Amino acid sequence: MSAIVQRVVQRAVRHSFPRFASTIVATKSGHIPIDIDTNPEPLPNYQYGPPISRQYLHPYGWDDLQMRRNFGDPLPEHDEHLSMWGPDIPPPGVNPRTALTHFILGVAGFTSVFFGVKWFLTPEPHFVRRTYPHEGLVAELGGLADNKARIQEEGEE
């Protein structure tokens, strides 16, 4: 059984990507280190682009308007953070406290409009709501006070 496991492990190490591969293979006699190139820089002579967020660049005049790139432009080292899909760049002069204040004011405004419409602009129904005798049919609905329907008042018939 151990010979099968050893062959499977060696085959997995041989066919896996270098950065995910283990550098040690277990055998009967111990651990054998495997020489795998784990250099994170596969292209040492690559000329990286300037580390400027694509959101600062002019929106027109690019081969790829969405990503604001021309064909053949070198990518910056952290392109995933500096691309158009990266974190948004805040406008100049807006600190986090001001942004939080604007957010809270916006949420409060939408909430006040919702409750204003609900409480003041929703009309009363054009029908009379049904009421039930005998204390809201408590005994008929199972005898629990939670099950009672709307109670008929003394002046109603």
Protein backbone atom coordinates (compact mmCIF):
# COMPACT_ATOMS: atom_id res chain seq x y z
CA MET A 1 0.00 0.00 0.00
CA SER A 2 2.79 2.44 0.81
CA ALA A 3 4.41 1.89 -2.61
CA ILE A 4 1.16 2.93 -4.31
CA VAL A 5 0.89 6.00 -2.11
CA GLN A 6 4.53 6.88 -2.79
CA ARG A 7 4.02 6.66 -6.57
CA VAL A 8 0.85 8.76 -6.40
CA VAL A 9 2.60 11.43 -4.33
CA GLN A 10 5.61 11.54 -6.66
CA ARG A 11 3.35 11.78 -9.73
CA ALA A 12 1.34 14.58 -8.08
CA VAL A 13 4.52 16.50 -7.28
CA ARG A 14 5.85 16.05 -10.81
CA HIS A 15 2.65 17.30 -12.47
CA SER A 16 1.65 20.08 -10.07
CA PHE A 17 2.46 23.75 -10.38
CA PRO A 18 5.73 24.72 -8.69
CA ARG A 19 4.21 27.20 -6.26
CA PHE A 20 1.71 24.62 -5.01
CA ALA A 21 4.07 21.67 -4.97
CA SER A 22 5.55 20.27 -1.82
CA THR A 23 9.34 20.39 -1.68
CA ILE A 24 9.57 17.15 0.30
CA VAL A 25 8.36 13.68 -0.71
CA ALA A 26 7.81 11.01 1.93
CA THR A 27 9.47 7.64 1.32
CA LYS A 28 10.25 4.57 3.44
CA SER A 29 13.75 5.76 4.23
CA GLY A 30 12.74 9.31 5.11
CA HIS A 31 12.11 12.58 3.32
CA ILE A 32 13.73 13.42 0.00
CA PRO A 33 13.92 17.12 -0.88
CA ILE A 34 12.91 17.91 -4.44
CA ASP A 35 14.54 20.81 -6.28
CA ILE A 36 11.62 22.90 -7.54
CA ASP A 37 12.05 26.45 -8.80
CA THR A 38 9.75 28.51 -6.56
CA ASN A 39 10.92 31.90 -7.81
CA PRO A 40 7.92 34.27 -7.65
CA GLU A 41 9.43 36.37 -10.47
CA PRO A 42 9.19 34.19 -13.60
CA LEU A 43 10.23 37.10 -15.84
CA PRO A 44 13.14 38.91 -14.11
CA ASN A 45 13.75 41.25 -17.10
CA TYR A 46 10.10 42.35 -17.45
CA GLN A 47 9.67 46.12 -17.45
CA TYR A 48 6.76 46.81 -15.11
CA GLY A 49 4.50 49.76 -15.81
CA PRO A 50 4.24 52.73 -13.47
CA PRO A 51 2.21 52.04 -10.29
CA ILE A 52 -0.61 54.47 -11.15
CA SER A 53 -4.25 53.54 -10.70
CA ARG A 54 -6.15 53.34 -13.99
CA GLN A 55 -8.94 55.39 -12.40
CA TYR A 56 -6.72 58.51 -12.51
CA LEU A 57 -6.16 58.24 -16.28
CA HIS A 58 -8.18 60.03 -18.96
CA PRO A 59 -11.15 57.88 -20.08
CA TYR A 60 -10.70 58.29 -23.85
CA GLY A 61 -7.98 57.48 -26.36
CA TRP A 62 -7.22 53.88 -25.35
CA ASP A 63 -7.35 50.66 -27.35
CA ASP A 64 -9.30 49.09 -24.46
CA LEU A 65 -11.57 51.85 -23.15
CA GLN A 66 -12.91 49.80 -20.25
CA MET A 67 -9.51 48.98 -18.76
CA ARG A 68 -7.80 52.16 -20.05
CA ARG A 69 -4.91 50.29 -21.68
CA ASN A 70 -3.22 50.25 -25.06
CA PHE A 71 -2.06 47.08 -26.77
CA GLY A 72 1.46 46.19 -25.62
CA ASP A 73 1.53 48.41 -22.53
CA PRO A 74 3.47 46.82 -19.67
CA LEU A 75 1.40 45.93 -16.63
CA PRO A 76 2.27 47.26 -13.19
CA GLU A 77 3.37 44.74 -10.59
CA HIS A 78 0.05 44.90 -8.71
CA ASP A 79 -2.25 45.25 -11.70
CA GLU A 80 -5.23 43.69 -9.90
CA HIS A 81 -5.22 46.56 -7.37
CA LEU A 82 -4.46 49.31 -9.86
CA SER A 83 -6.92 48.27 -12.60
CA MET A 84 -10.40 49.67 -13.12
CA TRP A 85 -11.80 46.71 -11.14
CA GLY A 86 -9.65 47.49 -8.10
CA PRO A 87 -10.74 49.44 -5.03
CA ASP A 88 -12.28 52.82 -5.83
CA ILE A 89 -10.15 55.89 -5.38
CA PRO A 90 -11.90 58.40 -3.11
CA PRO A 91 -12.30 61.91 -4.49
CA PRO A 92 -9.75 64.41 -3.21
CA GLY A 93 -10.70 66.23 -0.02
CA VAL A 94 -13.12 63.58 1.30
CA ASN A 95 -11.88 61.97 4.47
CA PRO A 96 -13.51 58.86 6.00
CA ARG A 97 -15.44 60.83 8.62
CA THR A 98 -17.07 63.01 5.93
CA ALA A 99 -17.89 59.95 3.81
CA LEU A 100 -19.50 58.21 6.81
CA THR A 101 -21.53 61.35 7.57
CA HIS A 102 -22.79 61.49 3.98
CA PHE A 103 -23.69 57.80 4.08
CA ILE A 104 -25.64 58.13 7.34
CA LEU A 105 -27.47 61.21 6.04
CA GLY A 106 -28.42 59.34 2.86
CA VAL A 107 -29.75 56.32 4.78
CA ALA A 108 -31.67 58.60 7.16
CA GLY A 109 -33.18 60.49 4.21
CA PHE A 110 -34.41 57.34 2.45
CA THR A 111 -35.75 55.93 5.72
CA SER A 112 -37.63 59.14 6.56
CA VAL A 113 -39.19 59.26 3.07
CA PHE A 114 -40.31 55.63 3.44
CA PHE A 115 -41.91 56.12 6.84
CA GLY A 116 -43.40 59.47 5.80
CA VAL A 117 -45.18 57.82 2.88
CA LYS A 118 -46.25 54.89 5.05
CA TRP A 119 -47.68 56.95 7.92
CA PHE A 120 -48.92 60.16 6.30
CA LEU A 121 -49.65 59.49 2.63
CA THR A 122 -51.22 56.00 2.81
CA PRO A 123 -55.01 56.45 2.86
CA GLU A 124 -57.36 54.56 5.13
CA PRO A 125 -59.06 51.56 3.52
CA HIS A 126 -62.43 52.26 1.85
CA PHE A 127 -64.12 49.36 3.63
CA VAL A 128 -65.10 48.55 7.21
CA ARG A 129 -62.85 45.96 8.79
CA ARG A 130 -64.63 42.82 9.94
CA THR A 131 -65.09 42.32 13.66
CA TYR A 132 -66.17 39.21 15.55
CA PRO A 133 -68.42 38.82 18.66
CA HIS A 134 -67.69 36.85 21.85
CA GLU A 135 -64.36 38.54 22.56
CA GLY A 136 -63.03 37.89 19.08
CA LEU A 137 -64.12 34.23 18.92
CA VAL A 138 -61.51 33.17 21.47
CA ALA A 139 -63.32 29.95 22.42
CA GLU A 140 -64.18 29.12 18.79
CA LEU A 141 -60.54 29.55 17.63
CA GLY A 142 -59.02 27.27 20.25
CA GLY A 143 -59.30 29.18 23.50
CA LEU A 144 -55.95 30.97 23.31
CA ALA A 145 -55.79 34.74 23.61
CA ASP A 146 -53.20 34.81 20.80
CA ASN A 147 -55.72 33.32 18.36
CA LYS A 148 -58.49 35.85 18.87
CA ALA A 149 -59.75 37.89 15.93
CA ARG A 150 -60.75 41.57 15.97
CA ILE A 151 -63.14 42.25 18.86
CA GLN A 152 -66.60 43.68 18.20
CA GLU A 153 -67.17 46.88 20.12
CA GLU A 154 -70.31 47.60 22.19
CA GLY A 155 -71.86 50.15 19.81
CA GLU A 156 -71.55 47.97 16.70
CA GLU A 157 -74.08 45.44 15.47
